[in-house]
């Protein structure tokens, strides 16, 4: 299982996106960012930075 935690990217938040693939994790993280962090547009820069922080659980 692949995991990306908000704390891994500097946010003060306990959310963790989990998925079988990197794309699945990024989709969940993007939805969370829009819904809970008021990020209106998830840019390529966000996705690149987040991708580098995804790790195996």
N, C-alpha and C. Protein backbone atom coordinates (compact mmCIF):
# COMPACT_ATOMS: atom_id res chain seq x y z
N UNK A 1 0.85 -1.17 0.00
CA UNK A 1 0.00 0.00 0.00
C UNK A 1 0.90 1.24 0.00
N UNK A 2 0.56 2.19 -0.82
CA UNK A 2 1.30 3.46 -0.91
C UNK A 2 0.59 4.50 -0.06
N UNK A 3 1.37 5.39 0.56
CA UNK A 3 0.82 6.36 1.51
C UNK A 3 1.46 7.73 1.29
N UNK A 4 0.62 8.76 1.44
CA UNK A 4 1.09 10.14 1.48
C UNK A 4 0.36 10.82 2.62
N UNK A 5 1.10 11.32 3.59
CA UNK A 5 0.51 12.02 4.73
C UNK A 5 0.66 13.52 4.53
N UNK A 6 -0.35 14.25 4.95
CA UNK A 6 -0.28 15.72 4.87
C UNK A 6 0.97 16.23 5.58
N UNK A 7 1.29 15.62 6.72
CA UNK A 7 2.47 16.05 7.48
C UNK A 7 3.75 15.89 6.66
N UNK A 8 3.76 14.92 5.74
CA UNK A 8 4.94 14.71 4.89
C UNK A 8 5.21 15.88 3.96
N UNK A 9 4.17 16.67 3.68
CA UNK A 9 4.33 17.82 2.79
C UNK A 9 4.21 19.15 3.54
N UNK A 10 4.33 19.08 4.88
CA UNK A 10 4.40 20.29 5.67
C UNK A 10 3.09 20.82 6.22
N UNK A 11 2.00 20.11 6.03
CA UNK A 11 0.71 20.58 6.55
C UNK A 11 0.50 20.06 7.97
N UNK A 12 -0.14 20.86 8.78
CA UNK A 12 -0.47 20.46 10.15
C UNK A 12 -1.82 19.75 10.12
N UNK A 13 -1.80 18.48 9.66
CA UNK A 13 -3.02 17.74 9.41
C UNK A 13 -2.69 16.25 9.53
N UNK A 14 -3.60 15.46 10.08
CA UNK A 14 -3.36 14.03 10.28
C UNK A 14 -3.83 13.15 9.12
N UNK A 15 -4.36 13.75 8.06
CA UNK A 15 -4.87 12.98 6.92
C UNK A 15 -3.75 12.20 6.25
N UNK A 16 -4.09 10.98 5.82
CA UNK A 16 -3.19 10.16 5.03
C UNK A 16 -3.96 9.60 3.84
N UNK A 17 -3.44 9.82 2.65
CA UNK A 17 -4.02 9.25 1.44
C UNK A 17 -3.34 7.90 1.22
N UNK A 18 -4.14 6.86 1.02
CA UNK A 18 -3.61 5.52 0.81
C UNK A 18 -4.18 4.97 -0.50
N UNK A 19 -3.36 4.16 -1.17
CA UNK A 19 -3.84 3.54 -2.39
C UNK A 19 -2.86 2.50 -2.90
N UNK A 20 -3.31 1.74 -3.87
CA UNK A 20 -2.46 0.71 -4.47
C UNK A 20 -1.48 1.31 -5.46
N UNK A 21 -1.87 2.44 -6.07
CA UNK A 21 -1.01 3.07 -7.07
C UNK A 21 -0.73 4.52 -6.67
N UNK A 22 0.31 5.07 -7.26
CA UNK A 22 0.64 6.47 -7.04
C UNK A 22 -0.51 7.36 -7.50
N UNK A 23 -1.09 7.05 -8.64
CA UNK A 23 -2.20 7.86 -9.16
C UNK A 23 -3.39 7.85 -8.22
N UNK A 24 -3.69 6.71 -7.62
CA UNK A 24 -4.80 6.61 -6.67
C UNK A 24 -4.53 7.49 -5.44
N UNK A 25 -3.31 7.46 -4.95
CA UNK A 25 -2.94 8.28 -3.79
C UNK A 25 -3.04 9.76 -4.15
N UNK A 26 -2.54 10.14 -5.30
CA UNK A 26 -2.58 11.54 -5.71
C UNK A 26 -4.02 12.03 -5.89
N UNK A 27 -4.88 11.18 -6.41
CA UNK A 27 -6.29 11.55 -6.57
C UNK A 27 -6.93 11.82 -5.21
N UNK A 28 -6.70 10.93 -4.25
CA UNK A 28 -7.26 11.11 -2.91
C UNK A 28 -6.67 12.34 -2.23
N UNK A 29 -5.38 12.56 -2.40
CA UNK A 29 -4.74 13.73 -1.81
C UNK A 29 -5.28 15.02 -2.42
N UNK A 30 -5.50 15.02 -3.72
CA UNK A 30 -6.04 16.20 -4.40
C UNK A 30 -7.45 16.52 -3.92
N UNK A 31 -8.28 15.50 -3.78
CA UNK A 31 -9.64 15.70 -3.28
C UNK A 31 -9.61 16.27 -1.86
N UNK A 32 -8.74 15.72 -1.03
CA UNK A 32 -8.60 16.21 0.35
C UNK A 32 -8.12 17.65 0.38
N UNK A 33 -7.13 17.97 -0.44
CA UNK A 33 -6.58 19.33 -0.48
C UNK A 33 -7.65 20.35 -0.86
N UNK A 34 -8.47 20.01 -1.84
CA UNK A 34 -9.55 20.92 -2.26
C UNK A 34 -10.60 21.07 -1.17
N UNK A 35 -11.00 19.95 -0.60
CA UNK A 35 -12.09 19.94 0.37
C UNK A 35 -11.68 20.53 1.72
N UNK A 36 -10.51 20.14 2.22
CA UNK A 36 -10.16 20.47 3.60
C UNK A 36 -9.09 21.54 3.77
N UNK A 37 -8.39 21.87 2.69
CA UNK A 37 -7.34 22.89 2.79
C UNK A 37 -7.60 24.08 1.87
N UNK A 38 -8.78 24.13 1.27
CA UNK A 38 -9.19 25.24 0.41
C UNK A 38 -8.21 25.52 -0.73
N UNK A 39 -7.56 24.49 -1.21
CA UNK A 39 -6.71 24.63 -2.39
C UNK A 39 -7.64 24.54 -3.60
N UNK A 40 -7.79 25.64 -4.28
CA UNK A 40 -8.75 25.71 -5.39
C UNK A 40 -8.30 24.91 -6.60
N UNK A 41 -7.00 24.93 -6.85
CA UNK A 41 -6.46 24.27 -8.05
C UNK A 41 -5.19 23.50 -7.67
N UNK A 42 -5.23 22.22 -7.87
CA UNK A 42 -4.05 21.39 -7.61
C UNK A 42 -3.18 21.42 -8.86
N UNK A 43 -2.07 22.10 -8.77
CA UNK A 43 -1.21 22.32 -9.92
C UNK A 43 -0.24 21.15 -10.13
N UNK A 44 0.44 21.17 -11.26
CA UNK A 44 1.46 20.17 -11.54
C UNK A 44 2.57 20.23 -10.51
N UNK A 45 2.87 21.43 -10.02
CA UNK A 45 3.91 21.58 -8.99
C UNK A 45 3.52 20.87 -7.70
N UNK A 46 2.26 21.00 -7.29
CA UNK A 46 1.78 20.26 -6.13
C UNK A 46 1.95 18.76 -6.36
N UNK A 47 1.46 18.28 -7.48
CA UNK A 47 1.50 16.85 -7.77
C UNK A 47 2.93 16.33 -7.80
N UNK A 48 3.83 17.09 -8.37
CA UNK A 48 5.24 16.67 -8.42
C UNK A 48 5.81 16.57 -7.00
N UNK A 49 5.57 17.59 -6.20
CA UNK A 49 6.08 17.60 -4.82
C UNK A 49 5.48 16.45 -4.01
N UNK A 50 4.19 16.25 -4.16
CA UNK A 50 3.53 15.17 -3.42
C UNK A 50 4.04 13.80 -3.85
N UNK A 51 4.23 13.64 -5.15
CA UNK A 51 4.70 12.35 -5.69
C UNK A 51 6.02 11.94 -5.05
N UNK A 52 6.90 12.90 -4.80
CA UNK A 52 8.20 12.59 -4.22
C UNK A 52 8.10 12.15 -2.76
N UNK A 53 6.98 12.41 -2.11
CA UNK A 53 6.81 12.06 -0.69
C UNK A 53 6.01 10.78 -0.47
N UNK A 54 5.49 10.19 -1.52
CA UNK A 54 4.73 8.95 -1.38
C UNK A 54 5.70 7.81 -1.05
N UNK A 55 5.30 7.00 -0.09
CA UNK A 55 6.15 5.88 0.32
C UNK A 55 5.31 4.61 0.53
N UNK A 56 5.98 3.50 0.58
CA UNK A 56 5.32 2.21 0.83
C UNK A 56 5.04 2.10 2.32
N UNK A 57 3.89 1.51 2.63
CA UNK A 57 3.52 1.31 4.03
C UNK A 57 4.00 -0.05 4.48
